[in-house]
């Protein structure tokens, strides 16, 4: 994802199962996100389904329309547009682990 100024790429390694819940530091428990989406994932505004599509919390549309805006860029409300899938590595063995994604949906995701 480009940063809002489109001058650089900004990606962070986000834990799917957090360290505080004994999440491991490995590829199967990780997902690359920009800083804002990393925060939104950590607090449960969205999750990733078993088919790697994005599932948005039903609470998200209730947020103020300017919530998650960075200048002219919509960072949070764009998640509500369609059932987008995350970008995955070419090697299926490197995909985020389904069990980690399920854990996140069960214990973090705000339905």
PDB file of N, CA and C in Angstrom:
ATOM      1  N   UNK A   1       0.850  -1.174   0.000  1.00  0.00           N
ATOM      2  CA  UNK A   1       0.000   0.000   0.000  1.00  0.00           C
ATOM      3  C   UNK A   1       0.893   1.233   0.000  1.00  0.00           C
ATOM      4  N   UNK A   2       0.559   2.208  -0.780  1.00  0.00           N
ATOM      5  CA  UNK A   2       1.297   3.466  -0.780  1.00  0.00           C
ATOM      6  C   UNK A   2       0.930   4.287   0.446  1.00  0.00           C
ATOM      7  N   UNK A   3       1.888   5.046   0.919  1.00  0.00           N
ATOM      8  CA  UNK A   3       1.586   5.983   1.995  1.00  0.00           C
ATOM      9  C   UNK A   3       0.701   7.081   1.423  1.00  0.00           C
ATOM     10  N   UNK A   4      -0.010   7.836   2.263  1.00  0.00           N
ATOM     11  CA  UNK A   4      -0.917   8.868   1.742  1.00  0.00           C
ATOM     12  C   UNK A   4      -0.239   9.886   0.829  1.00  0.00           C
ATOM     13  N   UNK A   5       1.047  10.138   1.014  1.00  0.00           N
ATOM     14  CA  UNK A   5       1.722  11.088   0.131  1.00  0.00           C
ATOM     15  C   UNK A   5       2.233  10.419  -1.146  1.00  0.00           C
ATOM     16  N   UNK A   6       2.020   9.112  -1.294  1.00  0.00           N
ATOM     17  CA  UNK A   6       2.426   8.314  -2.453  1.00  0.00           C
ATOM     18  C   UNK A   6       3.917   8.373  -2.730  1.00  0.00           C
ATOM     19  N   UNK A   7       4.701   8.749  -1.744  1.00  0.00           N
ATOM     20  CA  UNK A   7       6.140   8.851  -1.940  1.00  0.00           C
ATOM     21  C   UNK A   7       6.883   7.592  -1.512  1.00  0.00           C
ATOM     22  N   UNK A   8       6.252   6.753  -0.712  1.00  0.00           N
ATOM     23  CA  UNK A   8       6.948   5.564  -0.251  1.00  0.00           C
ATOM     24  C   UNK A   8       5.941   4.468   0.086  1.00  0.00           C
ATOM     25  N   UNK A   9       6.449   3.269   0.244  1.00  0.00           N
ATOM     26  CA  UNK A   9       5.640   2.134   0.676  1.00  0.00           C
ATOM     27  C   UNK A   9       5.757   2.010   2.180  1.00  0.00           C
ATOM     28  N   UNK A  10       4.686   1.689   2.816  1.00  0.00           N
ATOM     29  CA  UNK A  10       4.687   1.548   4.271  1.00  0.00           C
ATOM     30  C   UNK A  10       3.996   0.246   4.631  1.00  0.00           C
ATOM     31  N   UNK A  11       4.767  -0.728   5.083  1.00  0.00           N
ATOM     32  CA  UNK A  11       4.203  -2.025   5.450  1.00  0.00           C
ATOM     33  C   UNK A  11       4.793  -2.446   6.790  1.00  0.00           C
ATOM     34  N   UNK A  12       3.936  -2.964   7.649  1.00  0.00           N
ATOM     35  CA  UNK A  12       4.366  -3.502   8.928  1.00  0.00           C
ATOM     36  C   UNK A  12       3.985  -4.976   8.990  1.00  0.00           C
ATOM     37  N   UNK A  13       4.747  -5.736   9.738  1.00  0.00           N
ATOM     38  CA  UNK A  13       4.419  -7.140   9.990  1.00  0.00           C
ATOM     39  C   UNK A  13       3.485  -7.188  11.196  1.00  0.00           C
ATOM     40  N   UNK A  14       2.260  -7.586  10.968  1.00  0.00           N
ATOM     41  CA  UNK A  14       1.261  -7.664  12.030  1.00  0.00           C
ATOM     42  C   UNK A  14       1.102  -9.119  12.480  1.00  0.00           C
ATOM     43  N   UNK A  15       1.051  -9.329  13.786  1.00  0.00           N
ATOM     44  CA  UNK A  15       0.763 -10.659  14.308  1.00  0.00           C
ATOM     45  C   UNK A  15      -0.739 -10.909  14.188  1.00  0.00           C
ATOM     46  N   UNK A  16      -1.115 -12.081  13.751  1.00  0.00           N
ATOM     47  CA  UNK A  16      -2.537 -12.450  13.694  1.00  0.00           C
ATOM     48  C   UNK A  16      -2.997 -12.818  15.107  1.00  0.00           C
ATOM     49  N   UNK A  17      -2.268 -13.714  15.750  1.00  0.00           N
ATOM     50  CA  UNK A  17      -2.463 -14.004  17.172  1.00  0.00           C
ATOM     51  C   UNK A  17      -1.388 -13.207  17.903  1.00  0.00           C
ATOM     52  N   UNK A  18      -1.753 -12.231  18.726  1.00  0.00           N
ATOM     53  CA  UNK A  18      -0.753 -11.359  19.356  1.00  0.00           C
ATOM     54  C   UNK A  18       0.165 -12.093  20.340  1.00  0.00           C
ATOM     55  N   UNK A  19       1.333 -11.497  20.560  1.00  0.00           N
ATOM     56  CA  UNK A  19       2.280 -12.055  21.538  1.00  0.00           C
ATOM     57  C   UNK A  19       1.615 -12.278  22.884  1.00  0.00           C
ATOM     58  N   UNK A  20       0.802 -11.331  23.315  1.00  0.00           N
ATOM     59  CA  UNK A  20       0.136 -11.433  24.615  1.00  0.00           C
ATOM     60  C   UNK A  20      -0.758 -12.644  24.749  1.00  0.00           C
ATOM     61  N   UNK A  21      -1.123 -13.239  23.598  1.00  0.00           N
ATOM     62  CA  UNK A  21      -1.940 -14.454  23.598  1.00  0.00           C
ATOM     63  C   UNK A  21      -1.128 -15.641  23.088  1.00  0.00           C
ATOM     64  N   UNK A  22       0.181 -15.533  23.259  1.00  0.00           N
ATOM     65  CA  UNK A  22       1.132 -16.583  22.885  1.00  0.00           C
ATOM     66  C   UNK A  22       1.236 -16.797  21.388  1.00  0.00           C
ATOM     67  N   UNK A  23       1.023 -15.719  20.609  1.00  0.00           N
ATOM     68  CA  UNK A  23       1.225 -15.777  19.166  1.00  0.00           C
ATOM     69  C   UNK A  23       2.705 -15.885  18.854  1.00  0.00           C
ATOM     70  N   UNK A  24       3.022 -16.664  17.860  1.00  0.00           N
ATOM     71  CA  UNK A  24       4.414 -16.920  17.500  1.00  0.00           C
ATOM     72  C   UNK A  24       4.935 -15.886  16.509  1.00  0.00           C
ATOM     73  N   UNK A  25       6.254 -15.756  16.471  1.00  0.00           N
ATOM     74  CA  UNK A  25       6.931 -14.914  15.491  1.00  0.00           C
ATOM     75  C   UNK A  25       7.307 -15.788  14.295  1.00  0.00           C
ATOM     76  N   UNK A  26       6.345 -16.065  13.432  1.00  0.00           N
ATOM     77  CA  UNK A  26       6.642 -16.817  12.220  1.00  0.00           C
ATOM     78  C   UNK A  26       5.711 -16.371  11.097  1.00  0.00           C
ATOM     79  N   UNK A  27       6.004 -16.834   9.900  1.00  0.00           N
ATOM     80  CA  UNK A  27       5.232 -16.414   8.721  1.00  0.00           C
ATOM     81  C   UNK A  27       3.765 -16.800   8.806  1.00  0.00           C
ATOM     82  N   UNK A  28       3.464 -17.894   9.467  1.00  0.00           N
ATOM     83  CA  UNK A  28       2.087 -18.392   9.505  1.00  0.00           C
ATOM     84  C   UNK A  28       1.210 -17.580  10.440  1.00  0.00           C
ATOM     85  N   UNK A  29       1.834 -16.786  11.306  1.00  0.00           N
ATOM     86  CA  UNK A  29       1.096 -15.940  12.238  1.00  0.00           C
ATOM     87  C   UNK A  29       1.307 -14.469  11.893  1.00  0.00           C
ATOM     88  N   UNK A  30       1.571 -14.198  10.641  1.00  0.00           N
ATOM     89  CA  UNK A  30       1.830 -12.822  10.250  1.00  0.00           C
ATOM     90  C   UNK A  30       1.084 -12.413   9.004  1.00  0.00           C
ATOM     91  N   UNK A  31       0.901 -11.101   8.885  1.00  0.00           N
ATOM     92  CA  UNK A  31       0.246 -10.521   7.719  1.00  0.00           C
ATOM     93  C   UNK A  31       0.825  -9.111   7.542  1.00  0.00           C
ATOM     94  N   UNK A  32       1.127  -8.734   6.324  1.00  0.00           N
ATOM     95  CA  UNK A  32       1.679  -7.413   6.055  1.00  0.00           C
ATOM     96  C   UNK A  32       0.582  -6.372   5.879  1.00  0.00           C
ATOM     97  N   UNK A  33       0.620  -5.325   6.684  1.00  0.00           N
ATOM     98  CA  UNK A  33      -0.396  -4.276   6.646  1.00  0.00           C
ATOM     99  C   UNK A  33       0.261  -2.913   6.802  1.00  0.00           C
ATOM    100  N   UNK A  34      -0.397  -1.874   6.297  1.00  0.00           N
ATOM    101  CA  UNK A  34       0.075  -0.524   6.596  1.00  0.00           C
ATOM    102  C   UNK A  34      -0.192  -0.258   8.075  1.00  0.00           C
ATOM    103  N   UNK A  35       0.376   0.783   8.619  1.00  0.00           N
ATOM    104  CA  UNK A  35       0.264   1.077  10.052  1.00  0.00           C
ATOM    105  C   UNK A  35      -1.199   1.219  10.491  1.00  0.00           C
ATOM    106  N   UNK A  36      -2.008   1.907   9.720  1.00  0.00           N
ATOM    107  CA  UNK A  36      -3.392   2.139  10.120  1.00  0.00           C
ATOM    108  C   UNK A  36      -4.207   0.848  10.076  1.00  0.00           C
ATOM    109  N   UNK A  37      -4.033   0.051   8.999  1.00  0.00           N
ATOM    110  CA  UNK A  37      -4.761  -1.210   8.915  1.00  0.00           C
ATOM    111  C   UNK A  37      -4.256  -2.206   9.961  1.00  0.00           C
ATOM    112  N   UNK A  38      -2.982  -2.119  10.315  1.00  0.00           N
ATOM    113  CA  UNK A  38      -2.438  -2.951  11.386  1.00  0.00           C
ATOM    114  C   UNK A  38      -3.215  -2.669  12.676  1.00  0.00           C
ATOM    115  N   UNK A  39      -3.371  -1.383  13.001  1.00  0.00           N
ATOM    116  CA  UNK A  39      -4.132  -1.007  14.196  1.00  0.00           C
ATOM    117  C   UNK A  39      -5.581  -1.499  14.094  1.00  0.00           C
ATOM    118  N   UNK A  40      -6.216  -1.282  12.937  1.00  0.00           N
ATOM    119  CA  UNK A  40      -7.615  -1.676  12.758  1.00  0.00           C
ATOM    120  C   UNK A  40      -7.787  -3.190  12.891  1.00  0.00           C
ATOM    121  N   UNK A  41      -6.823  -3.953  12.397  1.00  0.00           N
ATOM    122  CA  UNK A  41      -6.853  -5.410  12.527  1.00  0.00           C
ATOM    123  C   UNK A  41      -6.687  -5.806  13.993  1.00  0.00           C
ATOM    124  N   UNK A  42      -5.735  -5.169  14.675  1.00  0.00           N
ATOM    125  CA  UNK A  42      -5.464  -5.491  16.082  1.00  0.00           C
ATOM    126  C   UNK A  42      -6.661  -5.213  16.991  1.00  0.00           C
ATOM    127  N   UNK A  43      -7.453  -4.205  16.682  1.00  0.00           N
ATOM    128  CA  UNK A  43      -8.612  -3.895  17.533  1.00  0.00           C
ATOM    129  C   UNK A  43      -9.900  -4.543  17.028  1.00  0.00           C
ATOM    130  N   UNK A  44      -9.824  -5.284  15.919  1.00  0.00           N
ATOM    131  CA  UNK A  44     -10.965  -6.071  15.469  1.00  0.00           C
ATOM    132  C   UNK A  44     -11.914  -5.407  14.501  1.00  0.00           C
ATOM    133  N   UNK A  45     -11.519  -4.315  13.856  1.00  0.00           N
ATOM    134  CA  UNK A  45     -12.400  -3.672  12.885  1.00  0.00           C
ATOM    135  C   UNK A  45     -12.585  -4.523  11.633  1.00  0.00           C
ATOM    136  N   UNK A  46     -11.610  -5.383  11.346  1.00  0.00           N
ATOM    137  CA  UNK A  46     -11.779  -6.317  10.234  1.00  0.00           C
ATOM    138  C   UNK A  46     -11.013  -7.593  10.538  1.00  0.00           C
ATOM    139  N   UNK A  47     -11.377  -8.636   9.810  1.00  0.00           N
ATOM    140  CA  UNK A  47     -10.723  -9.937   9.952  1.00  0.00           C
ATOM    141  C   UNK A  47     -10.525 -10.507   8.554  1.00  0.00           C
ATOM    142  N   UNK A  48      -9.854 -11.629   8.490  1.00  0.00           N
ATOM    143  CA  UNK A  48      -9.628 -12.316   7.221  1.00  0.00           C
ATOM    144  C   UNK A  48     -10.295 -13.685   7.317  1.00  0.00           C
ATOM    145  N   UNK A  49     -11.134 -13.984   6.335  1.00  0.00           N
ATOM    146  CA  UNK A  49     -11.860 -15.253   6.305  1.00  0.00           C
ATOM    147  C   UNK A  49     -10.954 -16.388   5.830  1.00  0.00           C
ATOM    148  N   UNK A  50     -11.447 -17.621   5.914  1.00  0.00           N
ATOM    149  CA  UNK A  50     -10.657 -18.779   5.477  1.00  0.00           C
ATOM    150  C   UNK A  50     -10.306 -18.742   3.991  1.00  0.00           C
ATOM    151  N   UNK A  51     -11.103 -18.026   3.200  1.00  0.00           N
ATOM    152  CA  UNK A  51     -10.811 -17.892   1.766  1.00  0.00           C
ATOM    153  C   UNK A  51      -9.969 -16.644   1.486  1.00  0.00           C
ATOM    154  N   UNK A  52      -9.458 -16.025   2.538  1.00  0.00           N
ATOM    155  CA  UNK A  52      -8.575 -14.854   2.498  1.00  0.00           C
ATOM    156  C   UNK A  52      -9.264 -13.581   2.023  1.00  0.00           C
ATOM    157  N   UNK A  53     -10.585 -13.563   2.105  1.00  0.00           N
ATOM    158  CA  UNK A  53     -11.315 -12.326   1.830  1.00  0.00           C
ATOM    159  C   UNK A  53     -11.453 -11.545   3.132  1.00  0.00           C
ATOM    160  N   UNK A  54     -11.587 -10.235   2.996  1.00  0.00           N
ATOM    161  CA  UNK A  54     -11.696  -9.342   4.148  1.00  0.00           C
ATOM    162  C   UNK A  54     -13.139  -9.303   4.632  1.00  0.00           C
ATOM    163  N   UNK A  55     -13.312  -9.447   5.927  1.00  0.00           N
ATOM    164  CA  UNK A  55     -14.619  -9.367   6.572  1.00  0.00           C
ATOM    165  C   UNK A  55     -14.582  -8.159   7.503  1.00  0.00           C
ATOM    166  N   UNK A  56     -15.510  -7.246   7.320  1.00  0.00           N
ATOM    167  CA  UNK A  56     -15.529  -5.996   8.073  1.00  0.00           C
ATOM    168  C   UNK A  56     -16.540  -6.084   9.210  1.00  0.00           C
ATOM    169  N   UNK A  57     -16.186  -5.534  10.346  1.00  0.00           N
ATOM    170  CA  UNK A  57     -17.087  -5.509  11.493  1.00  0.00           C
ATOM    171  C   UNK A  57     -18.378  -4.783  11.145  1.00  0.00           C
ATOM    172  N   UNK A  58     -19.492  -5.286  11.650  1.00  0.00           N
ATOM    173  CA  UNK A  58     -20.785  -4.629  11.438  1.00  0.00           C
ATOM    174  C   UNK A  58     -20.823  -3.273  12.142  1.00  0.00           C
ATOM    175  N   UNK A  59     -19.882  -3.028  13.064  1.00  0.00           N
ATOM    176  CA  UNK A  59     -19.821  -1.760  13.788  1.00  0.00           C
ATOM    177  C   UNK A  59     -19.145  -0.660  12.969  1.00  0.00           C
ATOM    178  N   UNK A  60     -18.422  -1.029  11.943  1.00  0.00           N
ATOM    179  CA  UNK A  60     -17.668  -0.050  11.165  1.00  0.00           C
ATOM    180  C   UNK A  60     -18.545   1.018  10.508  1.00  0.00           C
ATOM    181  N   UNK A  61     -19.676   0.681   9.894  1.00  0.00           N
ATOM    182  CA  UNK A  61     -20.511   1.725   9.280  1.00  0.00           C
ATOM    183  C   UNK A  61     -21.051   2.757  10.267  1.00  0.00           C
ATOM    184  N   UNK A  62     -21.041   2.435  11.566  1.00  0.00           N
ATOM    185  CA  UNK A  62     -21.534   3.377  12.575  1.00  0.00           C
ATOM    186  C   UNK A  62     -20.509   4.438  12.958  1.00  0.00           C
ATOM    187  N   UNK A  63     -19.282   4.285  12.485  1.00  0.00           N
ATOM    188  CA  UNK A  63     -18.248   5.270  12.799  1.00  0.00           C
ATOM    189  C   UNK A  63     -18.511   6.570  12.046  1.00  0.00           C
ATOM    190  N   UNK A  64     -18.062   7.688  12.557  1.00  0.00           N
ATOM    191  CA  UNK A  64     -18.224   8.955  11.838  1.00  0.00           C
ATOM    192  C   UNK A  64     -17.586   8.870  10.449  1.00  0.00           C
ATOM    193  N   UNK A  65     -18.150   9.573   9.495  1.00  0.00           N
ATOM    194  CA  UNK A  65     -17.675   9.485   8.103  1.00  0.00           C
ATOM    195  C   UNK A  65     -16.230   9.938   7.941  1.00  0.00           C
ATOM    196  N   UNK A  66     -15.752  10.785   8.843  1.00  0.00           N
ATOM    197  CA  UNK A  66     -14.367  11.243   8.727  1.00  0.00           C
ATOM    198  C   UNK A  66     -13.391  10.380   9.517  1.00  0.00           C
ATOM    199  N   UNK A  67     -13.889   9.348  10.210  1.00  0.00           N
ATOM    200  CA  UNK A  67     -13.010   8.469  10.967  1.00  0.00           C
ATOM    201  C   UNK A  67     -12.149   7.669   9.992  1.00  0.00           C
ATOM    202  N   UNK A  68     -10.872   7.665  10.232  1.00  0.00           N
ATOM    203  CA  UNK A  68      -9.976   6.895   9.380  1.00  0.00           C
ATOM    204  C   UNK A  68      -9.559   7.602   8.108  1.00  0.00           C
ATOM    205  N   UNK A  69      -9.802   8.889   8.023  1.00  0.00           N
ATOM    206  CA  UNK A  69      -9.367   9.662   6.855  1.00  0.00           C
ATOM    207  C   UNK A  69      -7.975  10.205   7.114  1.00  0.00           C
ATOM    208  N   UNK A  70      -7.141  10.127   6.091  1.00  0.00           N
ATOM    209  CA  UNK A  70      -5.813  10.721   6.135  1.00  0.00           C
ATOM    210  C   UNK A  70      -5.727  11.631   4.920  1.00  0.00           C
ATOM    211  N   UNK A  71      -5.983  12.908   5.135  1.00  0.00           N
ATOM    212  CA  UNK A  71      -6.046  13.833   4.000  1.00  0.00           C
ATOM    213  C   UNK A  71      -7.234  13.475   3.134  1.00  0.00           C
ATOM    214  N   UNK A  72      -7.002  13.231   1.866  1.00  0.00           N
ATOM    215  CA  UNK A  72      -8.068  12.850   0.934  1.00  0.00           C
ATOM    216  C   UNK A  72      -8.249  11.344   0.833  1.00  0.00           C
ATOM    217  N   UNK A  73      -7.547  10.595   1.647  1.00  0.00           N
ATOM    218  CA  UNK A  73      -7.563   9.135   1.544  1.00  0.00           C
ATOM    219  C   UNK A  73      -8.470   8.517   2.592  1.00  0.00           C
ATOM    220  N   UNK A  74      -9.364   7.639   2.154  1.00  0.00           N
ATOM    221  CA  UNK A  74     -10.201   6.839   3.041  1.00  0.00           C
ATOM    222  C   UNK A  74      -9.407   5.603   3.401  1.00  0.00           C
ATOM    223  N   UNK A  75      -9.124   5.405   4.655  1.00  0.00           N
ATOM    224  CA  UNK A  75      -8.328   4.243   5.043  1.00  0.00           C
ATOM    225  C   UNK A  75      -9.214   3.140   5.622  1.00  0.00           C
ATOM    226  N   UNK A  76     -10.199   3.503   6.415  1.00  0.00           N
ATOM    227  CA  UNK A  76     -11.061   2.499   7.041  1.00  0.00           C
ATOM    228  C   UNK A  76     -12.307   2.211   6.207  1.00  0.00           C
ATOM    229  N   UNK A  77     -13.025   3.223   5.783  1.00  0.00           N
ATOM    230  CA  UNK A  77     -14.296   2.982   5.097  1.00  0.00           C
ATOM    231  C   UNK A  77     -14.131   2.299   3.752  1.00  0.00           C
ATOM    232  N   UNK A  78     -12.938   2.309   3.165  1.00  0.00           N
ATOM    233  CA  UNK A  78     -12.730   1.571   1.917  1.00  0.00           C
ATOM    234  C   UNK A  78     -12.835   0.068   2.148  1.00  0.00           C
ATOM    235  N   UNK A  79     -12.652  -0.381   3.389  1.00  0.00           N
ATOM    236  CA  UNK A  79     -12.794  -1.801   3.689  1.00  0.00           C
ATOM    237  C   UNK A  79     -14.222  -2.291   3.477  1.00  0.00           C
ATOM    238  N   UNK A  80     -15.196  -1.392   3.538  1.00  0.00           N
ATOM    239  CA  UNK A  80     -16.599  -1.789   3.410  1.00  0.00           C
ATOM    240  C   UNK A  80     -17.036  -1.941   1.953  1.00  0.00           C
ATOM    241  N   UNK A  81     -16.189  -1.602   1.034  1.00  0.00           N
ATOM    242  CA  UNK A  81     -16.551  -1.649  -0.382  1.00  0.00           C
ATOM    243  C   UNK A  81     -16.201  -3.015  -0.973  1.00  0.00           C
ATOM    244  N   UNK A  82     -17.186  -3.908  -1.008  1.00  0.00           N
ATOM    245  CA  UNK A  82     -16.987  -5.222  -1.610  1.00  0.00           C
ATOM    246  C   UNK A  82     -16.274  -6.194  -0.695  1.00  0.00           C
ATOM    247  N   UNK A  83     -16.137  -7.379  -1.166  1.00  0.00           N
ATOM    248  CA  UNK A  83     -15.444  -8.443  -0.425  1.00  0.00           C
ATOM    249  C   UNK A  83     -14.059  -8.617  -1.023  1.00  0.00           C
ATOM    250  N   UNK A  84     -13.173  -7.708  -0.712  1.00  0.00           N
ATOM    251  CA  UNK A  84     -11.807  -7.766  -1.229  1.00  0.00           C
ATOM    252  C   UNK A  84     -11.028  -8.870  -0.528  1.00  0.00           C
ATOM    253  N   UNK A  85     -10.090  -9.426  -1.256  1.00  0.00           N
ATOM    254  CA  UNK A  85      -9.204 -10.436  -0.682  1.00  0.00           C
ATOM    255  C   UNK A  85      -7.840  -9.817  -0.437  1.00  0.00           C
ATOM    256  N   UNK A  86      -7.106 -10.368   0.520  1.00  0.00           N
ATOM    257  CA  UNK A  86      -5.752  -9.903   0.757  1.00  0.00           C
ATOM    258  C   UNK A  86      -4.857 -10.429  -0.369  1.00  0.00           C
ATOM    259  N   UNK A  87      -3.746  -9.764  -0.584  1.00  0.00           N
ATOM    260  CA  UNK A  87      -2.761 -10.260  -1.545  1.00  0.00           C
ATOM    261  C   UNK A  87      -1.947 -11.345  -0.876  1.00  0.00           C
ATOM    262  N   UNK A  88      -1.785 -12.435  -1.581  1.00  0.00           N
ATOM    263  CA  UNK A  88      -1.098 -13.590  -1.016  1.00  0.00           C
ATOM    264  C   UNK A  88       0.206 -13.860  -1.750  1.00  0.00           C
ATOM    265  N   UNK A  89       1.168 -14.491  -1.056  1.00  0.00           N
ATOM    266  CA  UNK A  89       2.419 -14.850  -1.724  1.00  0.00           C
ATOM    267  C   UNK A  89       2.166 -15.882  -2.822  1.00  0.00           C
ATOM    268  N   UNK A  90       3.079 -15.979  -3.756  1.00  0.00           N
ATOM    269  CA  UNK A  90       2.948 -16.953  -4.841  1.00  0.00           C
ATOM    270  C   UNK A  90       2.995 -18.390  -4.352  1.00  0.00           C
ATOM    271  N   UNK A  91       3.696 -18.632  -3.261  1.00  0.00           N
ATOM    272  CA  UNK A  91       3.834 -19.964  -2.700  1.00  0.00           C
ATOM    273  C   UNK A  91       2.761 -20.177  -1.634  1.00  0.00           C
ATOM    274  N   UNK A  92       1.847 -21.110  -1.884  1.00  0.00           N
ATOM    275  CA  UNK A  92       0.730 -21.362  -0.966  1.00  0.00           C
ATOM    276  C   UNK A  92       1.211 -21.768   0.435  1.00  0.00           C
ATOM    277  N   UNK A  93       2.393 -22.349   0.531  1.00  0.00           N
ATOM    278  CA  UNK A  93       2.925 -22.771   1.822  1.00  0.00           C
ATOM    279  C   UNK A  93       3.276 -21.581   2.720  1.00  0.00           C
ATOM    280  N   UNK A  94       3.295 -20.381   2.160  1.00  0.00           N
ATOM    281  CA  UNK A  94       3.630 -19.185   2.927  1.00  0.00           C
ATOM    282  C   UNK A  94       2.406 -18.347   3.299  1.00  0.00           C
ATOM    283  N   UNK A  95       1.215 -18.837   2.993  1.00  0.00           N
ATOM    284  CA  UNK A  95      -0.013 -18.111   3.344  1.00  0.00           C
ATOM    285  C   UNK A  95      -0.161 -18.026   4.860  1.00  0.00           C
ATOM    286  N   UNK A  96      -0.848 -16.985   5.357  1.00  0.00           N
ATOM    287  CA  UNK A  96      -1.165 -16.964   6.796  1.00  0.00           C
ATOM    288  C   UNK A  96      -1.959 -18.224   7.159  1.00  0.00           C
ATOM    289  N   UNK A  97      -1.677 -18.780   8.320  1.00  0.00           N
ATOM    290  CA  UNK A  97      -2.301 -20.045   8.704  1.00  0.00           C
ATOM    291  C   UNK A  97      -3.785 -19.841   9.030  1.00  0.00           C
ATOM    292  N   UNK A  98      -4.591 -20.764   8.523  1.00  0.00           N
ATOM    293  CA  UNK A  98      -6.046 -20.696   8.732  1.00  0.00           C
ATOM    294  C   UNK A  98      -6.390 -20.703  10.226  1.00  0.00           C
ATOM    295  N   UNK A  99      -5.682 -21.495  11.024  1.00  0.00           N
ATOM    296  CA  UNK A  99      -5.989 -21.549  12.459  1.00  0.00           C
ATOM    297  C   UNK A  99      -5.733 -20.208  13.133  1.00  0.00           C
ATOM    298  N   UNK A 100      -4.684 -19.505  12.720  1.00  0.00           N
ATOM    299  CA  UNK A 100      -4.423 -18.175  13.284  1.00  0.00           C
ATOM    300  C   UNK A 100      -5.539 -17.214  12.893  1.00  0.00           C
ATOM    301  N   UNK A 101      -5.973 -17.262  11.632  1.00  0.00           N
ATOM    302  CA  UNK A 101      -7.058 -16.385  11.170  1.00  0.00           C
ATOM    303  C   UNK A 101      -8.356 -16.689  11.920  1.00  0.00           C
ATOM    304  N   UNK A 102      -8.612 -17.957  12.154  1.00  0.00           N
ATOM    305  CA  UNK A 102      -9.817 -18.346  12.904  1.00  0.00           C
ATOM    306  C   UNK A 102      -9.746 -17.856  14.345  1.00  0.00           C
ATOM    307  N   UNK A 103      -8.557 -17.964  14.958  1.00  0.00           N
ATOM    308  CA  UNK A 103      -8.377 -17.475  16.320  1.00  0.00           C
ATOM    309  C   UNK A 103      -8.684 -15.978  16.371  1.00  0.00           C
ATOM    310  N   UNK A 104      -8.155 -15.232  15.425  1.00  0.00           N
ATOM    311  CA  UNK A 104      -8.375 -13.777  15.376  1.00  0.00           C
ATOM    312  C   UNK A 104      -9.866 -13.466  15.252  1.00  0.00           C
ATOM    313  N   UNK A 105     -10.565 -14.192  14.397  1.00  0.00           N
ATOM    314  CA  UNK A 105     -12.009 -13.939  14.231  1.00  0.00           C
ATOM    315  C   UNK A 105     -12.770 -14.276  15.520  1.00  0.00           C
ATOM    316  N   UNK A 106     -12.350 -15.310  16.221  1.00  0.00           N
ATOM    317  CA  UNK A 106     -13.060 -15.723  17.428  1.00  0.00           C
ATOM    318  C   UNK A 106     -12.784 -14.818  18.627  1.00  0.00           C
ATOM    319  N   UNK A 107     -11.547 -14.344  18.774  1.00  0.00           N
ATOM    320  CA  UNK A 107     -11.176 -13.646  19.997  1.00  0.00           C
ATOM    321  C   UNK A 107     -10.917 -12.148  19.840  1.00  0.00           C
ATOM    322  N   UNK A 108     -10.774 -11.644  18.615  1.00  0.00           N
ATOM    323  CA  UNK A 108     -10.450 -10.236  18.421  1.00  0.00           C
ATOM    324  C   UNK A 108     -11.522  -9.514  17.600  1.00  0.00           C
ATOM    325  N   UNK A 109     -11.991 -10.130  16.559  1.00  0.00           N
ATOM    326  CA  UNK A 109     -12.911  -9.497  15.614  1.00  0.00           C
ATOM    327  C   UNK A 109     -14.195  -9.033  16.292  1.00  0.00           C
ATOM    328  N   UNK A 110     -14.587  -7.801  16.014  1.00  0.00           N
ATOM    329  CA  UNK A 110     -15.833  -7.220  16.526  1.00  0.00           C
ATOM    330  C   UNK A 110     -16.947  -7.504  15.534  1.00  0.00           C
ATOM    331  N   UNK A 111     -17.738  -8.523  15.806  1.00  0.00           N
ATOM    332  CA  UNK A 111     -18.794  -8.931  14.877  1.00  0.00           C
ATOM    333  C   UNK A 111     -19.675  -7.813  14.460  1.00  0.00           C
TER     334      UNK A 111
END
